[in-house]
């Protein structure tokens, strides 16, 4: 939800997507219902729906 309020840079987006895809590949459950097997595609769908539980802290 917080990520929807702020505009992310392409680097922040890539970092979030990569981190979430790695979690899924290592066995973490998907946060959306999908028949997709590719962890990157699942992470992309989760990102587009705004359900990835990661926070960006800018300094």
N, C-alpha and C. Protein backbone atom coordinates (compact mmCIF):
# COMPACT_ATOMS: atom_id res chain seq x y z
N UNK A 1 0.83 -1.19 0.00
CA UNK A 1 0.00 0.00 0.00
C UNK A 1 0.87 1.24 0.00
N UNK A 2 1.93 1.26 0.81
CA UNK A 2 2.81 2.42 0.89
C UNK A 2 3.47 2.71 -0.45
N UNK A 3 3.81 1.63 -1.19
CA UNK A 3 4.48 1.82 -2.47
C UNK A 3 3.57 2.47 -3.49
N UNK A 4 2.26 2.33 -3.33
CA UNK A 4 1.34 2.96 -4.25
C UNK A 4 1.33 4.48 -4.07
N UNK A 5 1.65 4.95 -2.86
CA UNK A 5 1.60 6.37 -2.58
C UNK A 5 2.81 7.13 -3.11
N UNK A 6 3.92 6.43 -3.30
CA UNK A 6 5.13 7.10 -3.77
C UNK A 6 5.56 6.54 -5.11
N UNK A 7 6.18 7.38 -5.92
CA UNK A 7 6.67 6.94 -7.21
C UNK A 7 8.04 6.32 -7.02
N UNK A 8 8.19 5.08 -7.46
CA UNK A 8 9.44 4.37 -7.31
C UNK A 8 10.32 4.59 -8.53
N UNK A 9 11.62 4.64 -8.31
CA UNK A 9 12.54 4.72 -9.44
C UNK A 9 12.63 3.33 -10.07
N UNK A 10 13.20 3.28 -11.27
CA UNK A 10 13.34 1.98 -11.93
C UNK A 10 14.29 1.07 -11.16
N UNK A 11 15.22 1.65 -10.43
CA UNK A 11 16.16 0.86 -9.63
C UNK A 11 15.47 0.28 -8.41
N UNK A 12 14.61 1.05 -7.77
CA UNK A 12 13.85 0.56 -6.62
C UNK A 12 12.90 -0.56 -7.05
N UNK A 13 12.25 -0.35 -8.20
CA UNK A 13 11.34 -1.35 -8.73
C UNK A 13 12.08 -2.65 -9.01
N UNK A 14 13.23 -2.56 -9.66
CA UNK A 14 14.02 -3.75 -9.98
C UNK A 14 14.47 -4.46 -8.71
N UNK A 15 14.85 -3.71 -7.70
CA UNK A 15 15.32 -4.30 -6.43
C UNK A 15 14.18 -5.03 -5.73
N UNK A 16 13.01 -4.43 -5.69
CA UNK A 16 11.85 -5.06 -5.06
C UNK A 16 11.46 -6.32 -5.82
N UNK A 17 11.38 -6.22 -7.13
CA UNK A 17 10.99 -7.36 -7.96
C UNK A 17 11.99 -8.51 -7.80
N UNK A 18 13.27 -8.18 -7.82
CA UNK A 18 14.29 -9.22 -7.68
C UNK A 18 14.25 -9.89 -6.32
N UNK A 19 14.08 -9.10 -5.27
CA UNK A 19 14.02 -9.65 -3.92
C UNK A 19 12.81 -10.56 -3.76
N UNK A 20 11.68 -10.13 -4.27
CA UNK A 20 10.45 -10.93 -4.14
C UNK A 20 10.53 -12.19 -5.00
N UNK A 21 11.08 -12.08 -6.20
CA UNK A 21 11.22 -13.25 -7.07
C UNK A 21 12.14 -14.28 -6.42
N UNK A 22 13.20 -13.83 -5.76
CA UNK A 22 14.10 -14.74 -5.06
C UNK A 22 13.39 -15.44 -3.91
N UNK A 23 12.58 -14.69 -3.16
CA UNK A 23 11.82 -15.29 -2.07
C UNK A 23 10.90 -16.39 -2.59
N UNK A 24 10.22 -16.11 -3.69
CA UNK A 24 9.29 -17.09 -4.28
C UNK A 24 10.06 -18.31 -4.77
N UNK A 25 11.20 -18.07 -5.43
CA UNK A 25 12.01 -19.17 -5.94
C UNK A 25 12.55 -20.06 -4.81
N UNK A 26 12.76 -19.46 -3.64
CA UNK A 26 13.28 -20.21 -2.50
C UNK A 26 12.16 -20.88 -1.69
N UNK A 27 10.93 -20.77 -2.14
CA UNK A 27 9.83 -21.50 -1.51
C UNK A 27 8.79 -20.67 -0.78
N UNK A 28 8.92 -19.35 -0.78
CA UNK A 28 7.91 -18.52 -0.13
C UNK A 28 6.59 -18.63 -0.91
N UNK A 29 5.47 -18.61 -0.20
CA UNK A 29 4.19 -18.71 -0.90
C UNK A 29 3.87 -17.44 -1.67
N UNK A 30 3.22 -17.60 -2.81
CA UNK A 30 2.77 -16.45 -3.59
C UNK A 30 1.64 -15.76 -2.84
N UNK A 31 1.58 -14.46 -2.95
CA UNK A 31 0.56 -13.68 -2.24
C UNK A 31 -0.70 -13.47 -3.07
N UNK A 32 -0.69 -13.98 -4.29
CA UNK A 32 -1.86 -13.92 -5.16
C UNK A 32 -2.12 -15.32 -5.69
N UNK A 33 -3.34 -15.55 -6.11
CA UNK A 33 -3.66 -16.84 -6.71
C UNK A 33 -3.28 -16.78 -8.18
N UNK A 34 -2.43 -17.71 -8.59
CA UNK A 34 -2.00 -17.77 -9.97
C UNK A 34 -1.55 -19.19 -10.30
N UNK A 35 -1.64 -19.53 -11.56
CA UNK A 35 -1.16 -20.84 -12.01
C UNK A 35 0.24 -20.72 -12.58
N UNK A 36 0.77 -19.52 -12.55
CA UNK A 36 2.11 -19.24 -13.08
C UNK A 36 3.16 -19.99 -12.27
N UNK A 37 4.19 -20.48 -12.94
CA UNK A 37 5.28 -21.20 -12.28
C UNK A 37 6.55 -20.35 -12.18
N UNK A 38 6.70 -19.37 -13.05
CA UNK A 38 7.90 -18.54 -13.09
C UNK A 38 7.86 -17.51 -11.96
N UNK A 39 8.88 -17.53 -11.10
CA UNK A 39 8.89 -16.64 -9.93
C UNK A 39 8.94 -15.16 -10.32
N UNK A 40 9.60 -14.84 -11.41
CA UNK A 40 9.67 -13.44 -11.85
C UNK A 40 8.30 -12.95 -12.30
N UNK A 41 7.58 -13.77 -13.03
CA UNK A 41 6.24 -13.39 -13.49
C UNK A 41 5.26 -13.26 -12.32
N UNK A 42 5.42 -14.14 -11.33
CA UNK A 42 4.57 -14.04 -10.13
C UNK A 42 4.88 -12.75 -9.39
N UNK A 43 6.17 -12.44 -9.23
CA UNK A 43 6.57 -11.20 -8.55
C UNK A 43 6.04 -9.97 -9.29
N UNK A 44 6.07 -10.00 -10.61
CA UNK A 44 5.55 -8.88 -11.41
C UNK A 44 4.05 -8.70 -11.17
N UNK A 45 3.31 -9.80 -11.16
CA UNK A 45 1.87 -9.72 -10.91
C UNK A 45 1.59 -9.18 -9.50
N UNK A 46 2.36 -9.65 -8.52
CA UNK A 46 2.19 -9.16 -7.15
C UNK A 46 2.50 -7.67 -7.08
N UNK A 47 3.55 -7.25 -7.77
CA UNK A 47 3.93 -5.84 -7.76
C UNK A 47 2.83 -4.98 -8.36
N UNK A 48 2.29 -5.42 -9.48
CA UNK A 48 1.23 -4.65 -10.14
C UNK A 48 -0.03 -4.54 -9.28
N UNK A 49 -0.30 -5.59 -8.48
CA UNK A 49 -1.45 -5.56 -7.57
C UNK A 49 -1.15 -4.82 -6.27
N UNK A 50 0.12 -4.56 -6.00
CA UNK A 50 0.49 -3.82 -4.80
C UNK A 50 0.44 -4.63 -3.52
N UNK A 51 0.71 -5.92 -3.60
CA UNK A 51 0.62 -6.76 -2.40
C UNK A 51 1.98 -7.21 -1.87
N UNK A 52 3.07 -6.75 -2.46
CA UNK A 52 4.39 -7.15 -1.99
C UNK A 52 4.68 -6.46 -0.66
N UNK A 53 5.00 -7.25 0.37
CA UNK A 53 5.19 -6.68 1.71
C UNK A 53 6.61 -6.17 1.96
N UNK A 54 7.11 -5.34 1.09
CA UNK A 54 8.44 -4.75 1.25
C UNK A 54 8.30 -3.24 1.29
N UNK A 55 9.17 -2.58 2.04
CA UNK A 55 9.12 -1.14 2.21
C UNK A 55 10.42 -0.51 1.74
N UNK A 56 10.30 0.62 1.08
CA UNK A 56 11.46 1.39 0.64
C UNK A 56 11.69 2.53 1.65
N UNK A 57 12.92 2.62 2.13
CA UNK A 57 13.28 3.72 3.03
C UNK A 57 14.34 4.55 2.32
N UNK A 58 14.03 5.77 2.05
CA UNK A 58 14.97 6.68 1.38
C UNK A 58 15.64 7.56 2.41
N UNK A 59 16.92 7.76 2.21
CA UNK A 59 17.65 8.62 3.15
C UNK A 59 18.18 9.84 2.45
